[in-house]
Amino acid sequence: RLHICLEFESELRVRDETLILTSLKHRYWEWKAEGVEQLRLSTVDLTGVPSLENLHRGVEFALSHREKGSSVYVHCKAGRCRSATLAAAYIIRIHCWSPEEACQMLASVRPHVIIRSSQLEMLRRYHQQVCGGGSI
């Protein structure tokens, strides 16, 4: 049974904002009604890069629930960019792998993952902070 959900919300920059807002709000309440704890991190779809702050928040959220033995479901609209970036950050945090190694591992189990250069650069900054001794 799923108890934790870490979700990337799209910052709404499309024509049918009202429809999408209704859809996101409805989905939130469905998850909540099932007792699923959620962390929603706002990031622009397709071209957006999760902020360094959101990578830290998302990874810490996942780690805290994994320590309790809970599964954590990370997703965005297509599961190719934003959620993959956070999954790579999680791998970096627990293994101190380079961003390239983390992305290669993700691609080996989920071939449709797309990590763009701007996302890879953010993962490098994250790696420096959590593995290279930088300050948060």
N, C-alpha and C. Protein backbone atom coordinates (compact mmCIF):
# COMPACT_ATOMS: atom_id res chain seq x y z
N ARG A 1 0.85 -1.18 0.00
CA ARG A 1 0.00 0.00 0.00
C ARG A 1 0.89 1.24 0.00
N LEU A 2 0.55 2.17 -0.85
CA LEU A 2 1.32 3.40 -0.98
C LEU A 2 0.95 4.36 0.15
N HIS A 3 1.95 4.85 0.84
CA HIS A 3 1.72 5.79 1.93
C HIS A 3 2.30 7.17 1.67
N ILE A 4 3.24 7.25 0.75
CA ILE A 4 3.96 8.49 0.53
C ILE A 4 3.97 8.79 -0.96
N CYS A 5 3.76 10.04 -1.29
CA CYS A 5 3.80 10.45 -2.69
C CYS A 5 4.59 11.75 -2.79
N LEU A 6 5.59 11.77 -3.63
CA LEU A 6 6.36 12.97 -3.88
C LEU A 6 6.05 13.35 -5.33
N GLU A 7 5.39 14.45 -5.52
CA GLU A 7 4.87 14.79 -6.85
C GLU A 7 5.38 16.14 -7.32
N PHE A 8 5.73 16.19 -8.59
CA PHE A 8 6.07 17.46 -9.21
C PHE A 8 4.83 18.02 -9.85
N GLU A 9 4.42 19.19 -9.39
CA GLU A 9 3.32 19.91 -10.03
C GLU A 9 3.92 20.77 -11.13
N SER A 10 3.19 20.89 -12.20
CA SER A 10 3.63 21.79 -13.25
C SER A 10 3.28 23.21 -12.85
N GLU A 11 4.21 24.11 -13.05
CA GLU A 11 3.84 25.52 -12.96
C GLU A 11 3.01 25.75 -14.21
N LEU A 12 1.85 26.29 -14.04
CA LEU A 12 0.88 26.30 -15.12
C LEU A 12 1.17 27.40 -16.13
N ARG A 13 1.72 27.00 -17.23
CA ARG A 13 2.04 27.93 -18.31
C ARG A 13 1.48 27.36 -19.61
N VAL A 14 0.22 27.07 -19.59
CA VAL A 14 -0.47 26.51 -20.75
C VAL A 14 -1.81 27.20 -20.92
N ARG A 15 -2.50 26.92 -22.02
CA ARG A 15 -3.77 27.59 -22.32
C ARG A 15 -4.89 27.25 -21.33
N ASP A 16 -5.10 25.99 -21.03
CA ASP A 16 -6.25 25.58 -20.22
C ASP A 16 -5.89 25.50 -18.74
N GLU A 17 -5.45 26.62 -18.19
CA GLU A 17 -5.02 26.63 -16.79
C GLU A 17 -6.11 26.17 -15.84
N THR A 18 -7.34 26.60 -16.06
CA THR A 18 -8.42 26.25 -15.14
C THR A 18 -8.64 24.74 -15.11
N LEU A 19 -8.63 24.12 -16.26
CA LEU A 19 -8.82 22.67 -16.34
C LEU A 19 -7.70 21.94 -15.61
N ILE A 20 -6.49 22.37 -15.82
CA ILE A 20 -5.36 21.70 -15.17
C ILE A 20 -5.39 21.94 -13.66
N LEU A 21 -5.68 23.15 -13.24
CA LEU A 21 -5.78 23.42 -11.80
C LEU A 21 -6.84 22.53 -11.16
N THR A 22 -7.98 22.38 -11.79
CA THR A 22 -9.04 21.52 -11.27
C THR A 22 -8.55 20.08 -11.18
N SER A 23 -7.86 19.63 -12.21
CA SER A 23 -7.35 18.26 -12.23
C SER A 23 -6.35 18.04 -11.10
N LEU A 24 -5.40 18.96 -10.91
CA LEU A 24 -4.42 18.81 -9.85
C LEU A 24 -5.07 18.84 -8.47
N LYS A 25 -6.01 19.74 -8.28
CA LYS A 25 -6.68 19.86 -6.99
C LYS A 25 -7.47 18.58 -6.69
N HIS A 26 -8.16 18.05 -7.69
CA HIS A 26 -8.94 16.83 -7.51
C HIS A 26 -8.02 15.66 -7.15
N ARG A 27 -6.91 15.54 -7.86
CA ARG A 27 -5.99 14.44 -7.59
C ARG A 27 -5.41 14.57 -6.18
N TYR A 28 -5.10 15.75 -5.73
CA TYR A 28 -4.58 15.95 -4.38
C TYR A 28 -5.55 15.38 -3.36
N TRP A 29 -6.82 15.72 -3.49
CA TRP A 29 -7.81 15.27 -2.52
C TRP A 29 -8.04 13.78 -2.60
N GLU A 30 -7.93 13.19 -3.77
CA GLU A 30 -8.04 11.72 -3.90
C GLU A 30 -6.92 11.04 -3.11
N TRP A 31 -5.70 11.49 -3.30
CA TRP A 31 -4.57 10.92 -2.58
C TRP A 31 -4.74 11.13 -1.07
N LYS A 32 -5.12 12.34 -0.69
CA LYS A 32 -5.30 12.65 0.73
C LYS A 32 -6.36 11.75 1.37
N ALA A 33 -7.45 11.52 0.66
CA ALA A 33 -8.53 10.67 1.16
C ALA A 33 -8.06 9.23 1.40
N GLU A 34 -7.05 8.82 0.66
CA GLU A 34 -6.48 7.48 0.83
C GLU A 34 -5.41 7.43 1.91
N GLY A 35 -5.16 8.57 2.55
CA GLY A 35 -4.16 8.62 3.62
C GLY A 35 -2.72 8.70 3.14
N VAL A 36 -2.53 9.17 1.91
CA VAL A 36 -1.19 9.26 1.35
C VAL A 36 -0.59 10.63 1.69
N GLU A 37 0.56 10.63 2.34
CA GLU A 37 1.26 11.87 2.63
C GLU A 37 1.94 12.34 1.35
N GLN A 38 1.83 13.61 1.07
CA GLN A 38 2.34 14.14 -0.19
C GLN A 38 3.28 15.30 0.03
N LEU A 39 4.25 15.40 -0.85
CA LEU A 39 5.09 16.59 -0.96
C LEU A 39 5.03 16.98 -2.43
N ARG A 40 4.55 18.18 -2.69
CA ARG A 40 4.44 18.65 -4.07
C ARG A 40 5.46 19.75 -4.30
N LEU A 41 6.24 19.58 -5.34
CA LEU A 41 7.30 20.52 -5.67
C LEU A 41 7.00 21.12 -7.03
N SER A 42 6.86 22.41 -7.08
CA SER A 42 6.48 23.09 -8.30
C SER A 42 7.70 23.30 -9.21
N THR A 43 7.58 22.83 -10.45
CA THR A 43 8.64 22.97 -11.45
C THR A 43 7.99 23.04 -12.82
N VAL A 44 8.47 23.92 -13.67
CA VAL A 44 7.93 24.06 -15.01
C VAL A 44 8.08 22.75 -15.77
N ASP A 45 7.03 22.31 -16.45
CA ASP A 45 7.05 21.08 -17.22
C ASP A 45 7.92 21.24 -18.47
N LEU A 46 8.53 20.16 -18.88
CA LEU A 46 9.36 20.03 -20.08
C LEU A 46 10.67 20.81 -20.03
N THR A 47 10.63 22.10 -19.84
CA THR A 47 11.86 22.91 -19.86
C THR A 47 12.39 23.23 -18.48
N GLY A 48 11.62 22.95 -17.44
CA GLY A 48 12.01 23.34 -16.09
C GLY A 48 13.06 22.45 -15.48
N VAL A 49 13.73 23.00 -14.51
CA VAL A 49 14.75 22.29 -13.75
C VAL A 49 14.36 22.40 -12.28
N PRO A 50 14.23 21.27 -11.57
CA PRO A 50 13.97 21.39 -10.14
C PRO A 50 15.05 22.23 -9.48
N SER A 51 14.63 23.14 -8.62
CA SER A 51 15.60 23.99 -7.93
C SER A 51 16.44 23.15 -6.97
N LEU A 52 17.59 23.70 -6.61
CA LEU A 52 18.45 23.03 -5.64
C LEU A 52 17.69 22.82 -4.33
N GLU A 53 16.94 23.82 -3.92
CA GLU A 53 16.13 23.71 -2.70
C GLU A 53 15.13 22.56 -2.82
N ASN A 54 14.45 22.45 -3.97
CA ASN A 54 13.47 21.38 -4.14
C ASN A 54 14.13 20.01 -4.21
N LEU A 55 15.32 19.92 -4.78
CA LEU A 55 16.02 18.64 -4.76
C LEU A 55 16.32 18.23 -3.33
N HIS A 56 16.81 19.16 -2.53
CA HIS A 56 17.09 18.85 -1.11
C HIS A 56 15.80 18.47 -0.39
N ARG A 57 14.74 19.24 -0.59
CA ARG A 57 13.46 18.94 0.09
C ARG A 57 12.94 17.57 -0.32
N GLY A 58 12.96 17.28 -1.60
CA GLY A 58 12.45 16.01 -2.09
C GLY A 58 13.25 14.82 -1.61
N VAL A 59 14.57 14.93 -1.67
CA VAL A 59 15.43 13.83 -1.22
C VAL A 59 15.28 13.61 0.28
N GLU A 60 15.26 14.68 1.06
CA GLU A 60 15.09 14.53 2.50
C GLU A 60 13.74 13.91 2.85
N PHE A 61 12.69 14.31 2.13
CA PHE A 61 11.36 13.73 2.32
C PHE A 61 11.41 12.23 2.05
N ALA A 62 12.01 11.85 0.92
CA ALA A 62 12.10 10.43 0.56
C ALA A 62 12.93 9.66 1.59
N LEU A 63 14.07 10.21 1.98
CA LEU A 63 14.93 9.53 2.95
C LEU A 63 14.21 9.32 4.29
N SER A 64 13.51 10.34 4.74
CA SER A 64 12.85 10.22 6.05
C SER A 64 11.79 9.12 6.03
N HIS A 65 11.11 8.95 4.92
CA HIS A 65 10.08 7.91 4.84
C HIS A 65 10.67 6.54 4.54
N ARG A 66 11.75 6.50 3.78
CA ARG A 66 12.42 5.21 3.54
C ARG A 66 12.99 4.67 4.85
N GLU A 67 13.50 5.56 5.71
CA GLU A 67 14.03 5.12 7.00
C GLU A 67 12.96 4.47 7.86
N LYS A 68 11.70 4.85 7.63
CA LYS A 68 10.57 4.26 8.36
C LYS A 68 10.04 3.01 7.68
N GLY A 69 10.65 2.63 6.55
CA GLY A 69 10.24 1.43 5.83
C GLY A 69 9.14 1.66 4.82
N SER A 70 8.80 2.91 4.56
CA SER A 70 7.73 3.21 3.59
C SER A 70 8.30 3.29 2.18
N SER A 71 7.45 2.95 1.22
CA SER A 71 7.79 3.16 -0.18
C SER A 71 7.47 4.61 -0.53
N VAL A 72 8.23 5.15 -1.45
CA VAL A 72 8.02 6.52 -1.89
C VAL A 72 7.84 6.51 -3.40
N TYR A 73 6.74 7.07 -3.85
CA TYR A 73 6.41 7.14 -5.27
C TYR A 73 6.72 8.55 -5.75
N VAL A 74 7.65 8.68 -6.69
CA VAL A 74 8.04 9.98 -7.23
C VAL A 74 7.52 10.06 -8.65
N HIS A 75 6.79 11.13 -8.94
CA HIS A 75 6.30 11.22 -10.31
C HIS A 75 6.08 12.66 -10.75
N CYS A 76 6.04 12.81 -12.05
CA CYS A 76 5.65 14.05 -12.71
C CYS A 76 4.74 13.61 -13.86
N LYS A 77 4.48 14.46 -14.79
CA LYS A 77 3.53 14.12 -15.84
C LYS A 77 3.94 12.89 -16.65
N ALA A 78 5.16 12.88 -17.17
CA ALA A 78 5.59 11.77 -18.03
C ALA A 78 6.64 10.87 -17.38
N GLY A 79 7.19 11.30 -16.26
CA GLY A 79 8.19 10.48 -15.58
C GLY A 79 9.52 10.40 -16.31
N ARG A 80 9.82 11.43 -17.11
CA ARG A 80 11.05 11.39 -17.90
C ARG A 80 12.07 12.43 -17.48
N CYS A 81 11.65 13.58 -16.99
CA CYS A 81 12.59 14.68 -16.74
C CYS A 81 12.64 15.08 -15.27
N ARG A 82 11.55 15.71 -14.78
CA ARG A 82 11.57 16.27 -13.42
C ARG A 82 11.71 15.18 -12.36
N SER A 83 10.89 14.14 -12.45
CA SER A 83 10.98 13.08 -11.44
C SER A 83 12.29 12.31 -11.59
N ALA A 84 12.78 12.17 -12.82
CA ALA A 84 14.06 11.50 -13.04
C ALA A 84 15.21 12.31 -12.43
N THR A 85 15.11 13.63 -12.50
CA THR A 85 16.14 14.48 -11.90
C THR A 85 16.16 14.28 -10.38
N LEU A 86 14.99 14.21 -9.77
CA LEU A 86 14.93 13.99 -8.33
C LEU A 86 15.42 12.58 -7.99
N ALA A 87 15.04 11.59 -8.78
CA ALA A 87 15.50 10.22 -8.53
C ALA A 87 17.03 10.16 -8.62
N ALA A 88 17.61 10.87 -9.58
CA ALA A 88 19.07 10.92 -9.70
C ALA A 88 19.68 11.58 -8.47
N ALA A 89 19.06 12.65 -7.98
CA ALA A 89 19.55 13.32 -6.76
C ALA A 89 19.50 12.36 -5.57
N TYR A 90 18.46 11.56 -5.47
CA TYR A 90 18.34 10.57 -4.40
C TYR A 90 19.49 9.56 -4.48
N ILE A 91 19.76 9.08 -5.68
CA ILE A 91 20.85 8.12 -5.89
C ILE A 91 22.19 8.76 -5.51
N ILE A 92 22.38 10.00 -5.92
CA ILE A 92 23.61 10.73 -5.57
C ILE A 92 23.75 10.81 -4.05
N ARG A 93 22.66 11.12 -3.39
CA ARG A 93 22.69 11.30 -1.92
C ARG A 93 23.03 10.01 -1.19
N ILE A 94 22.44 8.89 -1.63
CA ILE A 94 22.66 7.64 -0.87
C ILE A 94 23.96 6.93 -1.26
N HIS A 95 24.43 7.13 -2.51
CA HIS A 95 25.64 6.43 -2.95
C HIS A 95 26.84 7.35 -3.18
N CYS A 96 26.62 8.66 -3.21
CA CYS A 96 27.66 9.64 -3.57
C CYS A 96 28.23 9.33 -4.96
N TRP A 97 27.37 8.84 -5.85
CA TRP A 97 27.77 8.63 -7.23
C TRP A 97 27.80 9.98 -7.93
N SER A 98 28.54 10.07 -9.01
CA SER A 98 28.53 11.29 -9.81
C SER A 98 27.15 11.42 -10.47
N PRO A 99 26.79 12.63 -10.87
CA PRO A 99 25.52 12.80 -11.58
C PRO A 99 25.44 11.94 -12.84
N GLU A 100 26.54 11.80 -13.54
CA GLU A 100 26.56 10.99 -14.75
C GLU A 100 26.30 9.51 -14.43
N GLU A 101 26.92 9.01 -13.36
CA GLU A 101 26.69 7.62 -12.95
C GLU A 101 25.23 7.40 -12.54
N ALA A 102 24.69 8.34 -11.78
CA ALA A 102 23.29 8.23 -11.34
C ALA A 102 22.35 8.22 -12.54
N CYS A 103 22.60 9.09 -13.50
CA CYS A 103 21.74 9.17 -14.70
C CYS A 103 21.88 7.92 -15.56
N GLN A 104 23.07 7.38 -15.67
CA GLN A 104 23.28 6.13 -16.42
C GLN A 104 22.52 4.98 -15.78
N MET A 105 22.56 4.91 -14.45
CA MET A 105 21.83 3.85 -13.75
C MET A 105 20.33 3.98 -14.00
N LEU A 106 19.81 5.21 -13.90
CA LEU A 106 18.39 5.44 -14.16
C LEU A 106 18.02 5.02 -15.58
N ALA A 107 18.82 5.44 -16.54
CA ALA A 107 18.55 5.11 -17.94
C ALA A 107 18.60 3.60 -18.19
N SER A 108 19.39 2.88 -17.41
CA SER A 108 19.47 1.43 -17.60
C SER A 108 18.19 0.72 -17.17
N VAL A 109 17.46 1.31 -16.22
CA VAL A 109 16.21 0.69 -15.77
C VAL A 109 14.97 1.40 -16.31
N ARG A 110 15.15 2.59 -16.84
CA ARG A 110 14.04 3.37 -17.38
C ARG A 110 14.57 4.14 -18.60
N PRO A 111 14.65 3.44 -19.75
CA PRO A 111 15.32 4.00 -20.93
C PRO A 111 14.74 5.31 -21.47
N HIS A 112 13.50 5.63 -21.17
CA HIS A 112 12.92 6.86 -21.72
C HIS A 112 13.22 8.10 -20.88
N VAL A 113 14.05 7.96 -19.85
CA VAL A 113 14.47 9.09 -19.03
C VAL A 113 15.26 10.09 -19.89
N ILE A 114 14.95 11.36 -19.69
CA ILE A 114 15.68 12.43 -20.39
C ILE A 114 16.22 13.40 -19.34
N ILE A 115 17.52 13.44 -19.22
CA ILE A 115 18.16 14.42 -18.34
C ILE A 115 18.85 15.43 -19.26
N ARG A 116 18.31 16.62 -19.28
CA ARG A 116 18.87 17.68 -20.13
C ARG A 116 20.10 18.30 -19.47
N SER A 117 20.85 19.05 -20.26
CA SER A 117 22.10 19.64 -19.75
C SER A 117 21.85 20.55 -18.55
N SER A 118 20.74 21.30 -18.55
CA SER A 118 20.45 22.18 -17.41
C SER A 118 20.12 21.37 -16.16
N GLN A 119 19.48 20.23 -16.33
CA GLN A 119 19.19 19.37 -15.18
C GLN A 119 20.46 18.71 -14.67
N LEU A 120 21.32 18.29 -15.61
CA LEU A 120 22.59 17.69 -15.22
C LEU A 120 23.46 18.69 -14.46
N GLU A 121 23.43 19.93 -14.88
CA GLU A 121 24.19 20.97 -14.18
C GLU A 121 23.66 21.15 -12.75
N MET A 122 22.34 21.13 -12.57
CA MET A 122 21.77 21.24 -11.23
C MET A 122 22.17 20.02 -10.39
N LEU A 123 22.20 18.84 -11.00
CA LEU A 123 22.63 17.64 -10.28
C LEU A 123 24.11 17.74 -9.88
N ARG A 124 24.91 18.38 -10.70
CA ARG A 124 26.32 18.59 -10.33
C ARG A 124 26.43 19.51 -9.12
N ARG A 125 25.61 20.55 -9.09
CA ARG A 125 25.60 21.45 -7.92
C ARG A 125 25.14 20.70 -6.67
N TYR A 126 24.09 19.87 -6.83
CA TYR A 126 23.59 19.07 -5.71
C TYR A 126 24.69 18.12 -5.22
N HIS A 127 25.34 17.44 -6.15
CA HIS A 127 26.42 16.51 -5.81
C HIS A 127 27.52 17.22 -5.02
N GLN A 128 27.90 18.40 -5.46
CA GLN A 128 28.94 19.17 -4.76
C GLN A 128 28.52 19.45 -3.31
N GLN A 129 27.26 19.76 -3.13
CA GLN A 129 26.79 20.07 -1.77
C GLN A 129 26.72 18.84 -0.88
N VAL A 130 26.24 17.72 -1.40
CA VAL A 130 26.03 16.56 -0.52
C VAL A 130 27.22 15.61 -0.47
N CYS A 131 28.07 15.65 -1.48
CA CYS A 131 29.21 14.72 -1.51
C CYS A 131 30.56 15.42 -1.53
N GLY A 132 30.56 16.70 -1.93
CA GLY A 132 31.83 17.39 -2.10
C GLY A 132 32.17 18.38 -1.02
N GLY A 133 31.37 18.41 0.04
CA GLY A 133 31.68 19.28 1.17
C GLY A 133 31.19 20.69 1.06
N GLY A 134 30.38 21.00 0.03
CA GLY A 134 29.82 22.36 -0.09
C GLY A 134 28.75 22.61 0.95
N SER A 135 28.44 23.86 1.18
CA SER A 135 27.40 24.20 2.15
C SER A 135 26.06 24.28 1.45
N ILE A 136 25.00 23.97 2.16
CA ILE A 136 23.64 23.98 1.61
C ILE A 136 23.10 25.38 1.62
